Structure formats: structure tokens, C-alpha cells
């Protein structure tokens, strides 16, 4: 099982192209064991409808940890929607999917 400490690289953190991306990485890494590899970069992909996609910014060895998303960082509707767990999601979660 990987941990943020074992996954951390000795190189400095890579800045993402936009401020909101850096804030999201900081938020993820503020969670216990949250980790986002500095070998990943978000880029806008106009040929895919201006969506953002993640790409390798440099070679990534096999089995290297790229992200650790701890339970504390998961977003869901379990506590806010009565139908959760029956294939139904609240409007907020449905719009995010």
C-alpha cells in the first residue's frame, strides 16, 4: 500500500497551468495520505471539446504511484440524498459525473 510519504518525489512540485488546478492539488494533498505526482500535468485539449485531460509530463516508471485519493477526499451524496445506494445520485453528484 502506497503512502504519500513513500510516493513523494525528491524533485520540486510541478505547477499546473491554472490556479484552480494547483488549488485542487493542494486540497488533495492536505488530506491524510493525499498525493498527486509532480509527473502529471493538466492540459486543455481543444480537439476533445476544450476539456482538461491529464498527461505524463515526463517518463513514468512502471508501478509508480501517480495519485492517492484518500477516503476523506471522496465526494458523494450518501448523507444528503435518500435514494443513495439504489443507483440514484443527488443532483450535485449527478452533474459532476
N, C-alpha and C. Protein backbone atom coordinates (compact mmCIF):
# COMPACT_ATOMS: atom_id res chain seq x y z
N UNK A 1 0.86 -1.19 0.00
CA UNK A 1 0.00 0.00 0.00
C UNK A 1 0.89 1.24 0.00
N UNK A 2 0.65 2.10 -0.96
CA UNK A 2 1.45 3.32 -1.06
C UNK A 2 0.96 4.36 -0.07
N UNK A 3 1.88 5.16 0.39
CA UNK A 3 1.53 6.30 1.23
C UNK A 3 2.08 7.54 0.57
N UNK A 4 1.61 8.68 0.97
CA UNK A 4 2.08 9.94 0.41
C UNK A 4 3.58 10.10 0.63
N UNK A 5 4.06 9.66 1.77
CA UNK A 5 5.49 9.78 2.06
C UNK A 5 6.32 8.90 1.14
N UNK A 6 5.88 7.65 0.91
CA UNK A 6 6.65 6.75 0.05
C UNK A 6 6.52 7.14 -1.42
N UNK A 7 5.44 7.82 -1.79
CA UNK A 7 5.22 8.21 -3.17
C UNK A 7 5.89 9.54 -3.51
N UNK A 8 6.21 10.32 -2.51
CA UNK A 8 6.76 11.67 -2.75
C UNK A 8 8.08 11.59 -3.49
N UNK A 9 8.23 12.51 -4.41
CA UNK A 9 9.45 12.57 -5.21
C UNK A 9 10.39 13.60 -4.60
N UNK A 10 11.68 13.43 -4.87
CA UNK A 10 12.65 14.38 -4.34
C UNK A 10 12.65 15.69 -5.13
N UNK A 11 12.06 15.68 -6.34
CA UNK A 11 12.04 16.90 -7.13
C UNK A 11 10.93 17.83 -6.64
N UNK A 12 11.04 19.10 -7.02
CA UNK A 12 10.06 20.08 -6.55
C UNK A 12 8.71 19.86 -7.23
N UNK A 13 7.67 20.43 -6.62
CA UNK A 13 6.32 20.27 -7.13
C UNK A 13 6.16 20.99 -8.45
N UNK A 14 5.54 20.32 -9.41
CA UNK A 14 5.25 20.91 -10.71
C UNK A 14 4.00 21.78 -10.58
N UNK A 15 4.08 22.99 -11.10
CA UNK A 15 2.91 23.87 -11.13
C UNK A 15 2.01 23.46 -12.29
N UNK A 16 0.72 23.43 -12.02
CA UNK A 16 -0.25 23.17 -13.07
C UNK A 16 -0.51 24.48 -13.83
N UNK A 17 -1.04 24.40 -15.05
CA UNK A 17 -1.23 25.61 -15.86
C UNK A 17 -2.17 26.66 -15.27
N UNK A 18 -3.16 26.24 -14.50
CA UNK A 18 -4.14 27.20 -14.00
C UNK A 18 -4.21 27.15 -12.47
N UNK A 19 -4.52 28.29 -11.86
CA UNK A 19 -4.56 28.39 -10.40
C UNK A 19 -5.51 27.38 -9.77
N UNK A 20 -6.71 27.19 -10.34
CA UNK A 20 -7.68 26.27 -9.74
C UNK A 20 -7.14 24.85 -9.70
N UNK A 21 -6.30 24.47 -10.67
CA UNK A 21 -5.71 23.14 -10.66
C UNK A 21 -4.72 23.00 -9.51
N UNK A 22 -3.92 24.02 -9.29
CA UNK A 22 -2.97 24.00 -8.17
C UNK A 22 -3.69 23.96 -6.84
N UNK A 23 -4.81 24.68 -6.74
CA UNK A 23 -5.60 24.67 -5.50
C UNK A 23 -6.20 23.30 -5.26
N UNK A 24 -6.63 22.62 -6.31
CA UNK A 24 -7.19 21.28 -6.15
C UNK A 24 -6.12 20.29 -5.71
N UNK A 25 -4.92 20.38 -6.29
CA UNK A 25 -3.81 19.52 -5.88
C UNK A 25 -3.46 19.79 -4.41
N UNK A 26 -3.40 21.05 -4.02
CA UNK A 26 -3.10 21.39 -2.62
C UNK A 26 -4.18 20.84 -1.69
N UNK A 27 -5.43 20.94 -2.09
CA UNK A 27 -6.54 20.42 -1.28
C UNK A 27 -6.40 18.91 -1.11
N UNK A 28 -6.14 18.19 -2.22
CA UNK A 28 -5.97 16.74 -2.14
C UNK A 28 -4.82 16.38 -1.22
N UNK A 29 -3.71 17.08 -1.35
CA UNK A 29 -2.54 16.77 -0.54
C UNK A 29 -2.67 17.23 0.91
N UNK A 30 -3.69 18.05 1.20
CA UNK A 30 -3.93 18.45 2.59
C UNK A 30 -4.65 17.35 3.37
N UNK A 31 -5.19 16.38 2.67
CA UNK A 31 -5.86 15.24 3.31
C UNK A 31 -4.81 14.23 3.74
N UNK A 32 -5.08 13.48 4.83
CA UNK A 32 -4.11 12.46 5.26
C UNK A 32 -3.81 11.48 4.12
N UNK A 33 -2.54 11.35 3.77
CA UNK A 33 -2.05 10.47 2.72
C UNK A 33 -2.45 10.89 1.30
N UNK A 34 -3.05 12.06 1.13
CA UNK A 34 -3.38 12.53 -0.21
C UNK A 34 -2.10 12.82 -1.00
N UNK A 35 -2.09 12.44 -2.26
CA UNK A 35 -0.87 12.59 -3.07
C UNK A 35 -1.24 12.80 -4.53
N UNK A 36 -0.50 13.69 -5.20
CA UNK A 36 -0.64 13.95 -6.63
C UNK A 36 0.78 14.08 -7.19
N UNK A 37 1.16 13.19 -8.08
CA UNK A 37 2.52 13.15 -8.61
C UNK A 37 2.86 14.42 -9.38
N UNK A 38 4.09 14.87 -9.22
CA UNK A 38 4.55 16.03 -9.98
C UNK A 38 4.89 15.65 -11.41
N UNK A 39 4.67 14.40 -11.78
CA UNK A 39 4.89 13.95 -13.16
C UNK A 39 3.62 14.03 -14.00
N UNK A 40 2.54 14.54 -13.41
CA UNK A 40 1.27 14.69 -14.11
C UNK A 40 0.99 16.17 -14.33
N UNK A 41 0.49 16.49 -15.51
CA UNK A 41 0.09 17.87 -15.80
C UNK A 41 -1.27 17.85 -16.49
N UNK A 42 -2.12 18.81 -16.10
CA UNK A 42 -3.40 19.01 -16.78
C UNK A 42 -3.18 19.90 -17.98
N UNK A 43 -3.82 19.56 -19.08
CA UNK A 43 -3.77 20.43 -20.24
C UNK A 43 -5.15 20.50 -20.87
N UNK A 44 -5.48 21.66 -21.38
CA UNK A 44 -6.73 21.82 -22.11
C UNK A 44 -6.55 21.14 -23.46
N UNK A 45 -7.57 20.40 -23.87
CA UNK A 45 -7.50 19.64 -25.11
C UNK A 45 -8.62 20.09 -26.04
N UNK A 46 -8.37 21.13 -26.84
CA UNK A 46 -9.43 21.69 -27.71
C UNK A 46 -10.05 20.65 -28.65
N UNK A 47 -9.26 19.72 -29.15
CA UNK A 47 -9.80 18.71 -30.06
C UNK A 47 -10.77 17.75 -29.37
N UNK A 48 -10.83 17.81 -28.05
CA UNK A 48 -11.77 17.00 -27.28
C UNK A 48 -12.84 17.87 -26.64
N UNK A 49 -13.13 19.00 -27.25
CA UNK A 49 -14.19 19.86 -26.74
C UNK A 49 -13.76 20.76 -25.60
N UNK A 50 -12.52 21.20 -25.60
CA UNK A 50 -11.98 22.08 -24.57
C UNK A 50 -11.98 21.46 -23.19
N UNK A 51 -12.02 20.16 -23.11
CA UNK A 51 -11.94 19.51 -21.80
C UNK A 51 -10.49 19.52 -21.33
N UNK A 52 -10.32 19.30 -20.03
CA UNK A 52 -8.99 19.18 -19.46
C UNK A 52 -8.68 17.70 -19.30
N UNK A 53 -7.47 17.33 -19.64
CA UNK A 53 -7.03 15.95 -19.53
C UNK A 53 -5.68 15.93 -18.84
N UNK A 54 -5.35 14.82 -18.21
CA UNK A 54 -4.08 14.68 -17.53
C UNK A 54 -3.12 13.90 -18.41
N UNK A 55 -1.89 14.39 -18.47
CA UNK A 55 -0.86 13.78 -19.28
C UNK A 55 0.41 13.59 -18.46
N UNK A 56 1.24 12.65 -18.90
CA UNK A 56 2.55 12.49 -18.27
C UNK A 56 3.44 13.64 -18.72
N UNK A 57 4.03 14.33 -17.76
CA UNK A 57 4.92 15.44 -18.07
C UNK A 57 6.35 14.95 -18.28
N UNK A 58 6.59 13.72 -17.89
CA UNK A 58 7.90 13.09 -18.07
C UNK A 58 7.69 11.59 -17.99
N UNK A 59 8.72 10.82 -18.30
CA UNK A 59 8.61 9.37 -18.23
C UNK A 59 8.21 8.94 -16.83
N UNK A 60 7.32 7.94 -16.78
CA UNK A 60 6.84 7.42 -15.50
C UNK A 60 7.16 5.93 -15.46
N UNK A 61 7.99 5.51 -14.52
CA UNK A 61 8.33 4.09 -14.42
C UNK A 61 7.09 3.24 -14.08
N UNK A 62 7.12 2.01 -14.52
CA UNK A 62 6.04 1.07 -14.23
C UNK A 62 5.82 0.98 -12.73
N UNK A 63 4.56 0.94 -12.32
CA UNK A 63 4.13 0.79 -10.93
C UNK A 63 4.37 2.02 -10.05
N UNK A 64 4.79 3.14 -10.63
CA UNK A 64 4.96 4.35 -9.83
C UNK A 64 3.59 4.90 -9.44
N UNK A 65 3.44 5.33 -8.21
CA UNK A 65 2.18 5.91 -7.74
C UNK A 65 1.99 7.29 -8.35
N UNK A 66 0.83 7.51 -8.96
CA UNK A 66 0.53 8.80 -9.57
C UNK A 66 -0.40 9.63 -8.71
N UNK A 67 -1.36 8.99 -8.07
CA UNK A 67 -2.29 9.68 -7.19
C UNK A 67 -2.69 8.75 -6.06
N UNK A 68 -2.89 9.36 -4.90
CA UNK A 68 -3.53 8.67 -3.78
C UNK A 68 -4.69 9.56 -3.37
N UNK A 69 -5.88 9.02 -3.51
CA UNK A 69 -7.08 9.78 -3.16
C UNK A 69 -7.69 9.11 -1.93
N UNK A 70 -7.45 9.68 -0.76
CA UNK A 70 -7.95 9.05 0.48
C UNK A 70 -9.46 9.22 0.63
N UNK A 71 -10.03 8.41 1.46
CA UNK A 71 -11.46 8.44 1.74
C UNK A 71 -11.93 9.85 2.08
N UNK A 72 -11.12 10.60 2.82
CA UNK A 72 -11.50 11.95 3.24
C UNK A 72 -11.66 12.92 2.07
N UNK A 73 -11.15 12.55 0.88
CA UNK A 73 -11.25 13.42 -0.28
C UNK A 73 -12.37 13.01 -1.24
N UNK A 74 -13.07 11.92 -0.95
CA UNK A 74 -14.15 11.47 -1.82
C UNK A 74 -15.38 12.35 -1.65
N UNK A 75 -16.01 12.67 -2.75
CA UNK A 75 -17.22 13.49 -2.73
C UNK A 75 -18.38 12.58 -3.13
N UNK A 76 -19.41 12.58 -2.31
CA UNK A 76 -20.55 11.73 -2.61
C UNK A 76 -21.82 12.32 -2.02
N UNK A 77 -22.91 11.58 -2.21
CA UNK A 77 -24.20 12.09 -1.75
C UNK A 77 -24.82 11.22 -0.67
N UNK A 78 -24.06 10.32 -0.08
CA UNK A 78 -24.61 9.36 0.87
C UNK A 78 -25.36 10.03 2.02
N UNK A 79 -24.86 11.15 2.50
CA UNK A 79 -25.50 11.76 3.66
C UNK A 79 -26.52 12.83 3.27
N UNK A 80 -26.67 13.09 1.98
CA UNK A 80 -27.56 14.18 1.58
C UNK A 80 -28.72 13.74 0.70
N UNK A 81 -28.75 12.47 0.34
CA UNK A 81 -29.79 12.04 -0.60
C UNK A 81 -30.37 10.71 -0.20
N UNK A 82 -31.67 10.67 -0.03
CA UNK A 82 -32.37 9.49 0.47
C UNK A 82 -32.22 8.28 -0.45
N UNK A 83 -32.15 8.48 -1.77
CA UNK A 83 -32.07 7.36 -2.71
C UNK A 83 -30.68 6.82 -2.95
N UNK A 84 -29.68 7.38 -2.27
CA UNK A 84 -28.30 6.95 -2.49
C UNK A 84 -28.15 5.47 -2.16
N UNK A 85 -27.40 4.78 -2.97
CA UNK A 85 -27.19 3.36 -2.76
C UNK A 85 -28.15 2.51 -3.56
N UNK A 86 -29.11 3.15 -4.20
CA UNK A 86 -30.08 2.44 -5.03
C UNK A 86 -29.91 2.87 -6.49
N UNK A 87 -28.70 3.27 -6.87
CA UNK A 87 -28.44 3.69 -8.23
C UNK A 87 -28.85 5.12 -8.52
N UNK A 88 -29.25 5.85 -7.50
CA UNK A 88 -29.72 7.23 -7.68
C UNK A 88 -28.76 8.16 -6.95
N UNK A 89 -28.36 9.24 -7.61
CA UNK A 89 -27.45 10.21 -7.01
C UNK A 89 -28.14 11.55 -6.89
N UNK A 90 -27.69 12.35 -5.94
CA UNK A 90 -28.24 13.69 -5.82
C UNK A 90 -27.84 14.49 -7.06
N UNK A 91 -28.52 15.59 -7.30
CA UNK A 91 -28.29 16.40 -8.49
C UNK A 91 -26.85 16.88 -8.58
N UNK A 92 -26.25 17.28 -7.48
CA UNK A 92 -24.87 17.77 -7.49
C UNK A 92 -23.92 16.69 -7.98
N UNK A 93 -24.01 15.49 -7.41
CA UNK A 93 -23.13 14.40 -7.82
C UNK A 93 -23.43 13.99 -9.26
N UNK A 94 -24.68 13.93 -9.63
CA UNK A 94 -25.05 13.56 -11.00
C UNK A 94 -24.45 14.54 -11.99
N UNK A 95 -24.44 15.84 -11.67
CA UNK A 95 -23.87 16.84 -12.58
C UNK A 95 -22.35 16.76 -12.65
N UNK A 96 -21.72 16.24 -11.61
CA UNK A 96 -20.27 16.12 -11.60
C UNK A 96 -19.79 14.90 -12.37
N UNK A 97 -20.66 13.92 -12.58
CA UNK A 97 -20.25 12.67 -13.24
C UNK A 97 -20.20 12.81 -14.74
